Amino acid sequence: MKIVYGLHLLRRLKQRKIPKHYPKKILENPEKEYFDSTTLHNISVKKLPYGEKIKHMVIAYDIIADTREIITVYPISESELSNKVKAGRWKSYEKN
């Protein structure tokens, strides 16, 4: 599997002061996975240190053949994550 960091992701890493290895780490070993029914992107979530706390970190990515293009990364609260799932926007799934 090839992993590509998009330009938007690179800007967000710098802007949000997120370590550059986090997106790959989240993609390769997520704690939760979803499909975003609004953006049509795949979503992976993993708890990681961010700032002074352990936060849920989210990546959005697309699958193109054997390539995973990561679009963005951001921290999300437990309540925001729960709201996206309850609203039906993020559909849970497991990898085979």
N, C-alpha and C. Protein backbone atom coordinates (compact mmCIF):
# COMPACT_ATOMS: atom_id res chain seq x y z
N MET A 1 0.84 -1.18 0.00
CA MET A 1 0.00 0.00 0.00
C MET A 1 0.89 1.25 0.00
N LYS A 2 0.62 2.12 -0.92
CA LYS A 2 1.34 3.39 -1.02
C LYS A 2 0.53 4.47 -0.28
N ILE A 3 1.22 5.31 0.50
CA ILE A 3 0.56 6.38 1.24
C ILE A 3 1.04 7.72 0.69
N VAL A 4 0.09 8.57 0.31
CA VAL A 4 0.40 9.89 -0.25
C VAL A 4 -0.17 10.96 0.66
N TYR A 5 0.66 11.95 1.00
CA TYR A 5 0.22 13.11 1.77
C TYR A 5 -0.15 14.22 0.79
N GLY A 6 -1.42 14.63 0.77
CA GLY A 6 -1.87 15.71 -0.11
C GLY A 6 -1.38 17.06 0.39
N LEU A 7 -1.44 18.07 -0.48
CA LEU A 7 -0.98 19.41 -0.13
C LEU A 7 -1.79 20.01 1.02
N HIS A 8 -3.09 19.78 1.02
CA HIS A 8 -3.93 20.29 2.11
C HIS A 8 -3.49 19.68 3.45
N LEU A 9 -3.21 18.38 3.45
CA LEU A 9 -2.74 17.72 4.67
C LEU A 9 -1.44 18.34 5.16
N LEU A 10 -0.51 18.58 4.26
CA LEU A 10 0.78 19.16 4.66
C LEU A 10 0.59 20.54 5.30
N ARG A 11 -0.32 21.33 4.75
CA ARG A 11 -0.62 22.65 5.35
C ARG A 11 -1.23 22.50 6.74
N ARG A 12 -2.16 21.55 6.88
CA ARG A 12 -2.82 21.35 8.17
C ARG A 12 -1.87 20.82 9.23
N LEU A 13 -0.95 19.95 8.86
CA LEU A 13 0.05 19.46 9.81
C LEU A 13 0.83 20.62 10.41
N LYS A 14 1.27 21.51 9.53
CA LYS A 14 2.05 22.67 9.98
C LYS A 14 1.17 23.63 10.80
N GLN A 15 -0.01 23.95 10.28
CA GLN A 15 -0.91 24.90 10.93
C GLN A 15 -1.33 24.42 12.32
N ARG A 16 -1.63 23.13 12.45
CA ARG A 16 -2.12 22.58 13.72
C ARG A 16 -1.01 22.00 14.60
N LYS A 17 0.23 22.09 14.12
CA LYS A 17 1.40 21.58 14.86
C LYS A 17 1.22 20.11 15.24
N ILE A 18 0.83 19.33 14.24
CA ILE A 18 0.64 17.89 14.41
C ILE A 18 1.88 17.19 13.86
N PRO A 19 2.45 16.24 14.61
CA PRO A 19 3.63 15.52 14.11
C PRO A 19 3.38 14.88 12.75
N LYS A 20 4.38 14.97 11.87
CA LYS A 20 4.21 14.50 10.48
C LYS A 20 3.96 13.00 10.35
N HIS A 21 4.36 12.23 11.35
CA HIS A 21 4.14 10.78 11.26
C HIS A 21 2.74 10.35 11.73
N TYR A 22 1.97 11.25 12.34
CA TYR A 22 0.65 10.89 12.84
C TYR A 22 -0.31 10.36 11.77
N PRO A 23 -0.45 11.02 10.62
CA PRO A 23 -1.41 10.49 9.63
C PRO A 23 -1.13 9.04 9.22
N LYS A 24 0.13 8.72 9.00
CA LYS A 24 0.50 7.35 8.63
C LYS A 24 0.20 6.39 9.78
N LYS A 25 0.52 6.81 10.99
CA LYS A 25 0.28 5.99 12.18
C LYS A 25 -1.22 5.71 12.36
N ILE A 26 -2.04 6.74 12.15
CA ILE A 26 -3.50 6.59 12.26
C ILE A 26 -4.02 5.65 11.17
N LEU A 27 -3.55 5.83 9.95
CA LEU A 27 -4.00 5.00 8.82
C LEU A 27 -3.63 3.53 9.02
N GLU A 28 -2.42 3.28 9.50
CA GLU A 28 -1.94 1.90 9.61
C GLU A 28 -2.50 1.16 10.83
N ASN A 29 -2.91 1.89 11.86
CA ASN A 29 -3.39 1.24 13.07
C ASN A 29 -4.53 2.03 13.73
N PRO A 30 -5.65 2.19 13.04
CA PRO A 30 -6.77 2.97 13.60
C PRO A 30 -7.48 2.22 14.71
N GLU A 31 -8.07 2.99 15.62
CA GLU A 31 -8.92 2.40 16.66
C GLU A 31 -10.36 2.31 16.17
N LYS A 32 -10.76 3.24 15.30
CA LYS A 32 -12.10 3.26 14.74
C LYS A 32 -12.01 3.66 13.27
N GLU A 33 -12.95 3.13 12.46
CA GLU A 33 -13.00 3.47 11.04
C GLU A 33 -14.44 3.75 10.63
N TYR A 34 -14.57 4.74 9.74
CA TYR A 34 -15.88 5.17 9.29
C TYR A 34 -15.83 5.53 7.81
N PHE A 35 -17.02 5.65 7.23
CA PHE A 35 -17.16 6.23 5.90
C PHE A 35 -18.01 7.47 6.08
N ASP A 36 -17.54 8.62 5.60
CA ASP A 36 -18.27 9.88 5.72
C ASP A 36 -19.24 9.98 4.56
N SER A 37 -20.53 9.89 4.86
CA SER A 37 -21.55 9.87 3.82
C SER A 37 -21.77 11.23 3.16
N THR A 38 -21.21 12.29 3.75
CA THR A 38 -21.33 13.63 3.17
C THR A 38 -20.18 13.92 2.21
N THR A 39 -18.95 13.66 2.65
CA THR A 39 -17.77 13.97 1.82
C THR A 39 -17.34 12.80 0.94
N LEU A 40 -17.85 11.61 1.27
CA LEU A 40 -17.49 10.36 0.59
C LEU A 40 -16.03 9.98 0.78
N HIS A 41 -15.45 10.41 1.91
CA HIS A 41 -14.08 10.04 2.27
C HIS A 41 -14.11 8.96 3.34
N ASN A 42 -13.04 8.19 3.39
CA ASN A 42 -12.84 7.24 4.47
C ASN A 42 -12.27 8.00 5.66
N ILE A 43 -12.64 7.58 6.87
CA ILE A 43 -12.22 8.24 8.09
C ILE A 43 -11.59 7.20 9.01
N SER A 44 -10.43 7.53 9.56
CA SER A 44 -9.80 6.69 10.59
C SER A 44 -9.53 7.56 11.80
N VAL A 45 -9.68 6.95 12.98
CA VAL A 45 -9.54 7.69 14.24
C VAL A 45 -8.63 6.90 15.18
N LYS A 46 -7.75 7.62 15.86
CA LYS A 46 -6.86 7.02 16.85
C LYS A 46 -6.56 8.03 17.94
N LYS A 47 -6.51 7.59 19.19
CA LYS A 47 -6.13 8.47 20.29
C LYS A 47 -4.62 8.60 20.32
N LEU A 48 -4.16 9.86 20.33
CA LEU A 48 -2.73 10.16 20.34
C LEU A 48 -2.49 11.42 21.17
N PRO A 49 -1.26 11.59 21.68
CA PRO A 49 -0.96 12.83 22.39
C PRO A 49 -1.03 14.03 21.45
N TYR A 50 -1.72 15.08 21.89
CA TYR A 50 -1.82 16.31 21.11
C TYR A 50 -1.92 17.46 22.11
N GLY A 51 -0.96 18.37 22.03
CA GLY A 51 -0.89 19.43 23.02
C GLY A 51 -0.57 18.80 24.37
N GLU A 52 -1.34 19.11 25.35
CA GLU A 52 -1.13 18.59 26.70
C GLU A 52 -2.01 17.38 27.02
N LYS A 53 -2.79 16.92 26.05
CA LYS A 53 -3.78 15.87 26.30
C LYS A 53 -3.66 14.72 25.31
N ILE A 54 -4.37 13.65 25.61
CA ILE A 54 -4.57 12.56 24.66
C ILE A 54 -5.89 12.87 23.97
N LYS A 55 -5.86 13.01 22.63
CA LYS A 55 -7.05 13.39 21.87
C LYS A 55 -7.32 12.34 20.79
N HIS A 56 -8.59 12.27 20.40
CA HIS A 56 -8.93 11.50 19.20
C HIS A 56 -8.40 12.31 18.01
N MET A 57 -7.56 11.69 17.19
CA MET A 57 -7.05 12.33 15.99
C MET A 57 -7.70 11.63 14.79
N VAL A 58 -8.17 12.45 13.85
CA VAL A 58 -8.92 11.97 12.69
C VAL A 58 -8.12 12.23 11.42
N ILE A 59 -8.14 11.25 10.52
CA ILE A 59 -7.67 11.50 9.15
C ILE A 59 -8.83 11.19 8.21
N ALA A 60 -8.90 11.96 7.14
CA ALA A 60 -9.81 11.68 6.03
C ALA A 60 -8.94 11.30 4.85
N TYR A 61 -9.31 10.24 4.15
CA TYR A 61 -8.48 9.79 3.03
C TYR A 61 -9.32 9.12 1.95
N ASP A 62 -8.73 9.03 0.78
CA ASP A 62 -9.34 8.34 -0.35
C ASP A 62 -8.51 7.12 -0.71
N ILE A 63 -9.20 6.10 -1.21
CA ILE A 63 -8.53 4.89 -1.68
C ILE A 63 -8.59 4.90 -3.20
N ILE A 64 -7.41 4.88 -3.83
CA ILE A 64 -7.32 4.86 -5.28
C ILE A 64 -6.38 3.71 -5.63
N ALA A 65 -6.96 2.59 -6.08
CA ALA A 65 -6.22 1.35 -6.35
C ALA A 65 -5.48 0.94 -5.08
N ASP A 66 -4.14 0.84 -5.13
CA ASP A 66 -3.37 0.45 -3.93
C ASP A 66 -2.79 1.66 -3.20
N THR A 67 -3.31 2.84 -3.50
CA THR A 67 -2.82 4.08 -2.89
C THR A 67 -3.85 4.63 -1.91
N ARG A 68 -3.35 5.13 -0.79
CA ARG A 68 -4.19 5.84 0.19
C ARG A 68 -3.73 7.30 0.19
N GLU A 69 -4.58 8.20 -0.30
CA GLU A 69 -4.25 9.62 -0.31
C GLU A 69 -4.91 10.28 0.89
N ILE A 70 -4.07 10.71 1.85
CA ILE A 70 -4.59 11.33 3.06
C ILE A 70 -4.84 12.81 2.77
N ILE A 71 -6.06 13.24 3.05
CA ILE A 71 -6.51 14.58 2.70
C ILE A 71 -6.31 15.58 3.83
N THR A 72 -6.66 15.17 5.06
CA THR A 72 -6.53 16.09 6.19
C THR A 72 -6.39 15.32 7.49
N VAL A 73 -6.00 16.04 8.53
CA VAL A 73 -5.88 15.48 9.88
C VAL A 73 -6.32 16.56 10.86
N TYR A 74 -7.04 16.13 11.90
CA TYR A 74 -7.47 17.09 12.91
C TYR A 74 -7.87 16.38 14.20
N PRO A 75 -7.79 17.09 15.33
CA PRO A 75 -8.29 16.54 16.59
C PRO A 75 -9.80 16.68 16.65
N ILE A 76 -10.45 15.76 17.34
CA ILE A 76 -11.90 15.82 17.50
C ILE A 76 -12.24 15.38 18.93
N SER A 77 -13.23 16.02 19.52
CA SER A 77 -13.65 15.64 20.87
C SER A 77 -14.51 14.38 20.80
N GLU A 78 -14.64 13.73 21.94
CA GLU A 78 -15.48 12.53 22.03
C GLU A 78 -16.92 12.87 21.64
N SER A 79 -17.42 14.03 22.08
CA SER A 79 -18.81 14.41 21.78
C SER A 79 -18.99 14.71 20.29
N GLU A 80 -18.03 15.36 19.66
CA GLU A 80 -18.13 15.63 18.21
C GLU A 80 -18.15 14.33 17.43
N LEU A 81 -17.27 13.41 17.82
CA LEU A 81 -17.20 12.11 17.15
C LEU A 81 -18.53 11.38 17.31
N SER A 82 -19.04 11.35 18.52
CA SER A 82 -20.31 10.68 18.81
C SER A 82 -21.46 11.31 18.02
N ASN A 83 -21.47 12.63 17.92
CA ASN A 83 -22.53 13.32 17.18
C ASN A 83 -22.52 12.96 15.70
N LYS A 84 -21.34 12.85 15.10
CA LYS A 84 -21.25 12.49 13.67
C LYS A 84 -21.79 11.08 13.44
N VAL A 85 -21.51 10.18 14.37
CA VAL A 85 -21.99 8.81 14.24
C VAL A 85 -23.50 8.75 14.47
N LYS A 86 -23.98 9.39 15.54
CA LYS A 86 -25.41 9.37 15.86
C LYS A 86 -26.26 10.02 14.76
N ALA A 87 -25.71 11.07 14.14
CA ALA A 87 -26.44 11.76 13.06
C ALA A 87 -26.47 10.93 11.77
N GLY A 88 -25.66 9.87 11.72
CA GLY A 88 -25.62 9.04 10.53
C GLY A 88 -24.66 9.51 9.47
N ARG A 89 -23.92 10.58 9.76
CA ARG A 89 -22.96 11.08 8.77
C ARG A 89 -21.77 10.12 8.64
N TRP A 90 -21.25 9.65 9.78
CA TRP A 90 -20.14 8.69 9.76
C TRP A 90 -20.71 7.31 9.99
N LYS A 91 -20.51 6.43 9.01
CA LYS A 91 -20.97 5.05 9.08
C LYS A 91 -19.79 4.17 9.48
N SER A 92 -19.95 3.44 10.56
CA SER A 92 -18.88 2.57 11.09
C SER A 92 -18.68 1.36 10.19
N TYR A 93 -17.44 0.94 10.06
CA TYR A 93 -17.13 -0.30 9.35
C TYR A 93 -15.81 -0.85 9.86
N GLU A 94 -15.58 -2.12 9.56
CA GLU A 94 -14.32 -2.78 9.92
C GLU A 94 -13.67 -3.27 8.65
N LYS A 95 -12.33 -3.21 8.65
CA LYS A 95 -11.57 -3.72 7.50
C LYS A 95 -11.60 -5.22 7.49
N ASN A 96 -11.55 -5.80 6.32
CA ASN A 96 -11.47 -7.26 6.20
C ASN A 96 -10.04 -7.71 6.33
